[in-house]
Amino acid sequence: MTLRLRISPCPNDTFMFDALLNGRIDTGGLHFDVEYRDIEALNRGVQAGDADVSKISCAVLPAVADRYALLDSGATVVVIEHDLDLIRNADFMIDMGPGGGNDGGRIVVSGTPEEVRRCKQSVTGHYI
């Protein structure tokens, strides 16, 4: 079976799906037709029914909840997010940085939002 997987080309997404897409996880015979799109195109694609599995903005979920669902795997939901209200309400965070692109990719701080807020090196902590 082939699933249509739609993710963004941002380093967070490519890192999260790397093992799955490069054969380091047994998928039990599942295959993936992968397309990389920006978040607006991902949101539109899900609303049009163009994906089996996709990254979307949290704001789009109510509009597609009758056709898509967050998967309950009995584990952790990982959210790559920039919405400050959502970040402030997380149970645990891993703040990557300190910047974007070549200036990022390192863990600056991990912990509760309050712990991240207190970290002087965290750009995210400054805003939450």
N, C-alpha and C. Protein backbone atom coordinates (compact mmCIF):
# COMPACT_ATOMS: atom_id res chain seq x y z
N MET A 1 0.85 -1.18 0.00
CA MET A 1 0.00 0.00 0.00
C MET A 1 0.89 1.24 0.00
N THR A 2 0.52 2.20 -0.80
CA THR A 2 1.26 3.46 -0.87
C THR A 2 0.40 4.58 -0.30
N LEU A 3 0.96 5.31 0.67
CA LEU A 3 0.29 6.46 1.27
C LEU A 3 0.87 7.75 0.72
N ARG A 4 0.02 8.72 0.47
CA ARG A 4 0.46 10.04 0.01
C ARG A 4 0.86 10.85 1.24
N LEU A 5 2.16 11.05 1.41
CA LEU A 5 2.71 11.79 2.55
C LEU A 5 3.13 13.17 2.08
N ARG A 6 2.61 14.19 2.72
CA ARG A 6 2.93 15.58 2.35
C ARG A 6 3.53 16.28 3.56
N ILE A 7 4.75 16.76 3.40
CA ILE A 7 5.43 17.49 4.47
C ILE A 7 6.13 18.70 3.87
N SER A 8 6.60 19.57 4.75
CA SER A 8 7.33 20.74 4.26
C SER A 8 8.81 20.42 4.16
N PRO A 9 9.55 21.18 3.38
CA PRO A 9 10.99 20.94 3.26
C PRO A 9 11.79 21.55 4.42
N CYS A 10 11.12 22.04 5.45
CA CYS A 10 11.86 22.65 6.56
C CYS A 10 12.67 21.57 7.27
N PRO A 11 13.81 21.92 7.84
CA PRO A 11 14.68 20.93 8.48
C PRO A 11 13.98 20.13 9.57
N ASN A 12 13.04 20.72 10.28
CA ASN A 12 12.34 19.98 11.34
C ASN A 12 11.57 18.80 10.75
N ASP A 13 10.83 19.02 9.67
CA ASP A 13 10.06 17.95 9.05
C ASP A 13 10.98 16.89 8.44
N THR A 14 11.99 17.32 7.71
CA THR A 14 12.86 16.35 7.05
C THR A 14 13.60 15.51 8.09
N PHE A 15 13.96 16.10 9.22
CA PHE A 15 14.61 15.35 10.30
C PHE A 15 13.64 14.34 10.90
N MET A 16 12.40 14.78 11.17
CA MET A 16 11.41 13.91 11.80
C MET A 16 11.08 12.69 10.94
N PHE A 17 11.03 12.84 9.63
CA PHE A 17 10.63 11.76 8.75
C PHE A 17 11.81 11.03 8.11
N ASP A 18 13.03 11.43 8.41
CA ASP A 18 14.22 10.87 7.76
C ASP A 18 14.29 9.35 7.89
N ALA A 19 14.20 8.83 9.09
CA ALA A 19 14.33 7.38 9.29
C ALA A 19 13.22 6.62 8.57
N LEU A 20 12.03 7.14 8.61
CA LEU A 20 10.90 6.51 7.94
C LEU A 20 11.11 6.47 6.42
N LEU A 21 11.51 7.59 5.87
CA LEU A 21 11.62 7.69 4.41
C LEU A 21 12.88 7.06 3.84
N ASN A 22 13.86 6.80 4.70
CA ASN A 22 15.12 6.23 4.21
C ASN A 22 15.33 4.79 4.67
N GLY A 23 14.23 4.11 4.98
CA GLY A 23 14.28 2.68 5.23
C GLY A 23 14.88 2.24 6.54
N ARG A 24 15.01 3.12 7.51
CA ARG A 24 15.57 2.73 8.80
C ARG A 24 14.49 2.32 9.81
N ILE A 25 13.23 2.35 9.38
CA ILE A 25 12.11 1.90 10.19
C ILE A 25 11.32 0.90 9.34
N ASP A 26 10.99 -0.24 9.94
CA ASP A 26 10.18 -1.23 9.24
C ASP A 26 8.75 -0.71 9.14
N THR A 27 8.30 -0.47 7.94
CA THR A 27 6.96 0.08 7.73
C THR A 27 5.93 -1.00 7.44
N GLY A 28 6.33 -2.25 7.58
CA GLY A 28 5.38 -3.33 7.37
C GLY A 28 4.81 -3.37 5.96
N GLY A 29 5.58 -2.98 4.99
CA GLY A 29 5.13 -3.01 3.60
C GLY A 29 4.50 -1.72 3.11
N LEU A 30 4.35 -0.74 3.99
CA LEU A 30 3.82 0.55 3.54
C LEU A 30 4.90 1.29 2.75
N HIS A 31 4.46 1.97 1.73
CA HIS A 31 5.35 2.82 0.93
C HIS A 31 4.77 4.23 0.95
N PHE A 32 5.61 5.20 0.65
CA PHE A 32 5.17 6.59 0.72
C PHE A 32 5.48 7.33 -0.57
N ASP A 33 4.47 8.00 -1.09
CA ASP A 33 4.62 8.94 -2.19
C ASP A 33 4.78 10.29 -1.51
N VAL A 34 6.01 10.79 -1.46
CA VAL A 34 6.32 12.00 -0.69
C VAL A 34 6.36 13.22 -1.60
N GLU A 35 5.69 14.28 -1.16
CA GLU A 35 5.81 15.58 -1.81
C GLU A 35 6.12 16.60 -0.73
N TYR A 36 7.03 17.51 -1.06
CA TYR A 36 7.41 18.59 -0.16
C TYR A 36 6.72 19.86 -0.62
N ARG A 37 6.03 20.53 0.31
CA ARG A 37 5.29 21.75 -0.01
C ARG A 37 5.41 22.73 1.13
N ASP A 38 5.20 24.01 0.84
CA ASP A 38 5.16 24.99 1.93
C ASP A 38 3.85 24.80 2.71
N ILE A 39 3.78 25.37 3.88
CA ILE A 39 2.65 25.10 4.79
C ILE A 39 1.31 25.53 4.20
N GLU A 40 1.28 26.60 3.46
CA GLU A 40 0.00 27.02 2.86
C GLU A 40 -0.47 25.99 1.84
N ALA A 41 0.45 25.47 1.04
CA ALA A 41 0.09 24.43 0.07
C ALA A 41 -0.32 23.14 0.77
N LEU A 42 0.33 22.82 1.89
CA LEU A 42 -0.07 21.64 2.67
C LEU A 42 -1.49 21.80 3.20
N ASN A 43 -1.79 22.97 3.74
CA ASN A 43 -3.14 23.23 4.27
C ASN A 43 -4.18 23.10 3.16
N ARG A 44 -3.92 23.69 2.00
CA ARG A 44 -4.86 23.61 0.88
C ARG A 44 -5.02 22.16 0.40
N GLY A 45 -3.90 21.44 0.35
CA GLY A 45 -3.94 20.06 -0.12
C GLY A 45 -4.78 19.17 0.77
N VAL A 46 -4.66 19.34 2.07
CA VAL A 46 -5.46 18.53 3.00
C VAL A 46 -6.94 18.89 2.85
N GLN A 47 -7.23 20.17 2.71
CA GLN A 47 -8.62 20.58 2.54
C GLN A 47 -9.21 20.02 1.25
N ALA A 48 -8.36 19.78 0.23
CA ALA A 48 -8.81 19.22 -1.03
C ALA A 48 -8.77 17.68 -1.03
N GLY A 49 -8.29 17.09 0.07
CA GLY A 49 -8.21 15.64 0.16
C GLY A 49 -7.04 15.04 -0.61
N ASP A 50 -5.97 15.82 -0.77
CA ASP A 50 -4.83 15.43 -1.59
C ASP A 50 -3.76 14.64 -0.84
N ALA A 51 -4.00 14.26 0.40
CA ALA A 51 -2.97 13.57 1.18
C ALA A 51 -3.62 12.55 2.10
N ASP A 52 -2.87 11.47 2.35
CA ASP A 52 -3.29 10.51 3.36
C ASP A 52 -2.73 10.91 4.72
N VAL A 53 -1.48 11.40 4.72
CA VAL A 53 -0.80 11.86 5.92
C VAL A 53 -0.15 13.19 5.56
N SER A 54 -0.33 14.21 6.40
CA SER A 54 0.22 15.51 6.07
C SER A 54 0.46 16.35 7.31
N LYS A 55 1.45 17.19 7.21
CA LYS A 55 1.62 18.25 8.19
C LYS A 55 0.61 19.33 7.84
N ILE A 56 -0.03 19.90 8.85
CA ILE A 56 -0.93 21.03 8.64
C ILE A 56 -0.77 22.02 9.78
N SER A 57 -1.30 23.20 9.59
CA SER A 57 -1.38 24.16 10.68
C SER A 57 -2.48 23.72 11.63
N CYS A 58 -2.29 23.95 12.91
CA CYS A 58 -3.30 23.58 13.91
C CYS A 58 -4.66 24.19 13.58
N ALA A 59 -4.66 25.38 13.02
CA ALA A 59 -5.91 26.07 12.72
C ALA A 59 -6.74 25.36 11.66
N VAL A 60 -6.12 24.50 10.85
CA VAL A 60 -6.83 23.82 9.78
C VAL A 60 -7.53 22.55 10.28
N LEU A 61 -7.06 21.97 11.38
CA LEU A 61 -7.61 20.70 11.85
C LEU A 61 -9.13 20.72 12.02
N PRO A 62 -9.73 21.75 12.64
CA PRO A 62 -11.20 21.71 12.76
C PRO A 62 -11.92 21.63 11.41
N ALA A 63 -11.35 22.21 10.39
CA ALA A 63 -12.00 22.19 9.07
C ALA A 63 -11.90 20.83 8.38
N VAL A 64 -10.96 19.98 8.81
CA VAL A 64 -10.78 18.69 8.16
C VAL A 64 -10.95 17.51 9.12
N ALA A 65 -11.39 17.79 10.33
CA ALA A 65 -11.50 16.75 11.36
C ALA A 65 -12.47 15.64 10.99
N ASP A 66 -13.39 15.90 10.07
CA ASP A 66 -14.32 14.85 9.64
C ASP A 66 -13.65 13.88 8.67
N ARG A 67 -12.47 14.26 8.12
CA ARG A 67 -11.76 13.41 7.17
C ARG A 67 -10.38 12.98 7.65
N TYR A 68 -9.82 13.71 8.60
CA TYR A 68 -8.48 13.43 9.12
C TYR A 68 -8.54 13.42 10.64
N ALA A 69 -7.55 12.81 11.25
CA ALA A 69 -7.49 12.78 12.71
C ALA A 69 -6.04 12.79 13.15
N LEU A 70 -5.81 13.31 14.36
CA LEU A 70 -4.52 13.14 14.98
C LEU A 70 -4.42 11.68 15.37
N LEU A 71 -3.30 11.05 15.09
CA LEU A 71 -3.16 9.64 15.39
C LEU A 71 -2.84 9.44 16.86
N ASP A 72 -3.59 8.58 17.51
CA ASP A 72 -3.34 8.24 18.90
C ASP A 72 -2.51 6.97 18.91
N SER A 73 -1.23 7.12 19.13
CA SER A 73 -0.35 5.96 19.12
C SER A 73 0.02 5.54 20.53
N GLY A 74 -0.59 6.19 21.51
CA GLY A 74 -0.26 5.85 22.88
C GLY A 74 1.10 6.39 23.29
N ALA A 75 1.60 7.34 22.55
CA ALA A 75 2.93 7.87 22.83
C ALA A 75 2.86 9.39 22.89
N THR A 76 3.76 10.03 22.21
CA THR A 76 3.90 11.47 22.26
C THR A 76 3.43 12.09 20.96
N VAL A 77 2.78 13.22 21.07
CA VAL A 77 2.48 14.02 19.89
C VAL A 77 3.58 15.07 19.80
N VAL A 78 4.28 15.07 18.68
CA VAL A 78 5.33 16.05 18.45
C VAL A 78 4.75 17.13 17.56
N VAL A 79 4.85 18.35 18.01
CA VAL A 79 4.32 19.48 17.25
C VAL A 79 5.46 20.43 16.96
N ILE A 80 5.67 20.71 15.69
CA ILE A 80 6.63 21.74 15.31
C ILE A 80 5.79 22.98 15.10
N GLU A 81 5.95 23.94 15.97
CA GLU A 81 4.99 25.04 16.00
C GLU A 81 5.68 26.36 16.28
N HIS A 82 5.07 27.42 15.77
CA HIS A 82 5.54 28.77 16.02
C HIS A 82 4.47 29.63 16.66
N ASP A 83 3.29 29.07 16.89
CA ASP A 83 2.20 29.80 17.53
C ASP A 83 2.49 29.90 19.03
N LEU A 84 2.66 31.12 19.51
CA LEU A 84 3.09 31.32 20.89
C LEU A 84 2.08 30.82 21.91
N ASP A 85 0.78 30.91 21.62
CA ASP A 85 -0.21 30.40 22.57
C ASP A 85 -0.09 28.88 22.71
N LEU A 86 0.12 28.19 21.63
CA LEU A 86 0.30 26.75 21.69
C LEU A 86 1.58 26.40 22.43
N ILE A 87 2.65 27.11 22.15
CA ILE A 87 3.93 26.87 22.82
C ILE A 87 3.79 27.08 24.33
N ARG A 88 3.14 28.14 24.73
CA ARG A 88 2.98 28.42 26.17
C ARG A 88 2.23 27.32 26.91
N ASN A 89 1.40 26.56 26.19
CA ASN A 89 0.58 25.52 26.81
C ASN A 89 1.14 24.12 26.63
N ALA A 90 2.35 24.01 26.11
CA ALA A 90 2.97 22.70 25.94
C ALA A 90 3.36 22.12 27.29
N ASP A 91 3.41 20.81 27.38
CA ASP A 91 3.90 20.16 28.60
C ASP A 91 5.41 20.18 28.65
N PHE A 92 6.03 20.06 27.47
CA PHE A 92 7.48 19.97 27.39
C PHE A 92 7.90 20.53 26.04
N MET A 93 9.04 21.18 26.00
CA MET A 93 9.52 21.80 24.77
C MET A 93 10.97 21.44 24.52
N ILE A 94 11.33 21.42 23.25
CA ILE A 94 12.73 21.36 22.84
C ILE A 94 12.91 22.56 21.92
N ASP A 95 13.67 23.54 22.36
CA ASP A 95 13.88 24.77 21.59
C ASP A 95 15.16 24.60 20.78
N MET A 96 15.00 24.65 19.45
CA MET A 96 16.14 24.48 18.54
C MET A 96 16.63 25.86 18.12
N GLY A 97 17.90 25.93 17.81
CA GLY A 97 18.44 27.22 17.37
C GLY A 97 19.95 27.20 17.37
N PRO A 98 20.57 28.30 17.67
CA PRO A 98 19.95 29.53 18.18
C PRO A 98 19.29 30.37 17.10
N GLY A 99 19.59 30.12 15.84
CA GLY A 99 18.97 30.87 14.74
C GLY A 99 18.34 29.88 13.77
N GLY A 100 18.13 30.35 12.54
CA GLY A 100 17.59 29.48 11.50
C GLY A 100 18.66 29.07 10.52
N GLY A 101 18.36 28.11 9.67
CA GLY A 101 19.29 27.68 8.63
C GLY A 101 20.60 27.19 9.20
N ASN A 102 21.70 27.68 8.67
CA ASN A 102 23.03 27.26 9.14
C ASN A 102 23.31 27.69 10.57
N ASP A 103 22.54 28.64 11.08
CA ASP A 103 22.74 29.12 12.45
C ASP A 103 21.93 28.33 13.46
N GLY A 104 21.22 27.30 13.01
CA GLY A 104 20.36 26.54 13.91
C GLY A 104 20.75 25.08 13.97
N GLY A 105 19.76 24.26 14.35
CA GLY A 105 19.96 22.83 14.38
C GLY A 105 20.53 22.28 15.67
N ARG A 106 20.68 23.12 16.67
CA ARG A 106 21.19 22.66 17.95
C ARG A 106 20.12 22.87 19.02
N ILE A 107 20.12 22.01 20.02
CA ILE A 107 19.19 22.19 21.13
C ILE A 107 19.72 23.31 22.02
N VAL A 108 18.93 24.37 22.13
CA VAL A 108 19.30 25.50 22.98
C VAL A 108 18.89 25.20 24.41
N VAL A 109 17.68 24.69 24.58
CA VAL A 109 17.16 24.37 25.91
C VAL A 109 15.99 23.41 25.74
N SER A 110 15.76 22.58 26.73
CA SER A 110 14.57 21.73 26.75
C SER A 110 13.99 21.77 28.15
N GLY A 111 12.69 21.63 28.21
CA GLY A 111 12.02 21.67 29.51
C GLY A 111 10.62 22.21 29.38
N THR A 112 10.06 22.63 30.47
CA THR A 112 8.72 23.22 30.46
C THR A 112 8.80 24.60 29.83
N PRO A 113 7.67 25.16 29.42
CA PRO A 113 7.71 26.53 28.89
C PRO A 113 8.35 27.52 29.87
N GLU A 114 8.10 27.34 31.15
CA GLU A 114 8.70 28.24 32.15
C GLU A 114 10.22 28.10 32.17
N GLU A 115 10.73 26.89 32.05
CA GLU A 115 12.18 26.68 32.01
C GLU A 115 12.78 27.28 30.75
N VAL A 116 12.09 27.16 29.64
CA VAL A 116 12.55 27.76 28.38
C VAL A 116 12.53 29.28 28.50
N ARG A 117 11.47 29.82 29.09
CA ARG A 117 11.36 31.28 29.26
C ARG A 117 12.54 31.83 30.06
N ARG A 118 13.02 31.08 31.04
CA ARG A 118 14.12 31.56 31.89
C ARG A 118 15.50 31.42 31.23
N CYS A 119 15.59 30.70 30.12
CA CYS A 119 16.88 30.51 29.46
C CYS A 119 17.24 31.75 28.63
N LYS A 120 18.30 32.41 29.00
CA LYS A 120 18.70 33.65 28.33
C LYS A 120 19.13 33.43 26.88
N GLN A 121 19.58 32.22 26.52
CA GLN A 121 20.02 31.94 25.15
C GLN A 121 18.84 31.62 24.23
N SER A 122 17.65 31.41 24.76
CA SER A 122 16.51 31.00 23.96
C SER A 122 15.78 32.20 23.37
N VAL A 123 15.75 32.27 22.05
CA VAL A 123 14.98 33.32 21.38
C VAL A 123 13.49 33.09 21.66
N THR A 124 13.04 31.84 21.58
CA THR A 124 11.64 31.52 21.86
C THR A 124 11.29 31.92 23.28
N GLY A 125 12.16 31.62 24.23
CA GLY A 125 11.91 31.95 25.63
C GLY A 125 11.68 33.42 25.86
N HIS A 126 12.32 34.25 25.07
CA HIS A 126 12.14 35.70 25.18
C HIS A 126 10.70 36.10 24.90
N TYR A 127 10.03 35.37 24.00
CA TYR A 127 8.69 35.75 23.57
C TYR A 127 7.57 35.06 24.32
N ILE A 128 7.88 33.99 25.06
CA ILE A 128 6.80 33.31 25.77
C ILE A 128 6.78 33.74 27.22
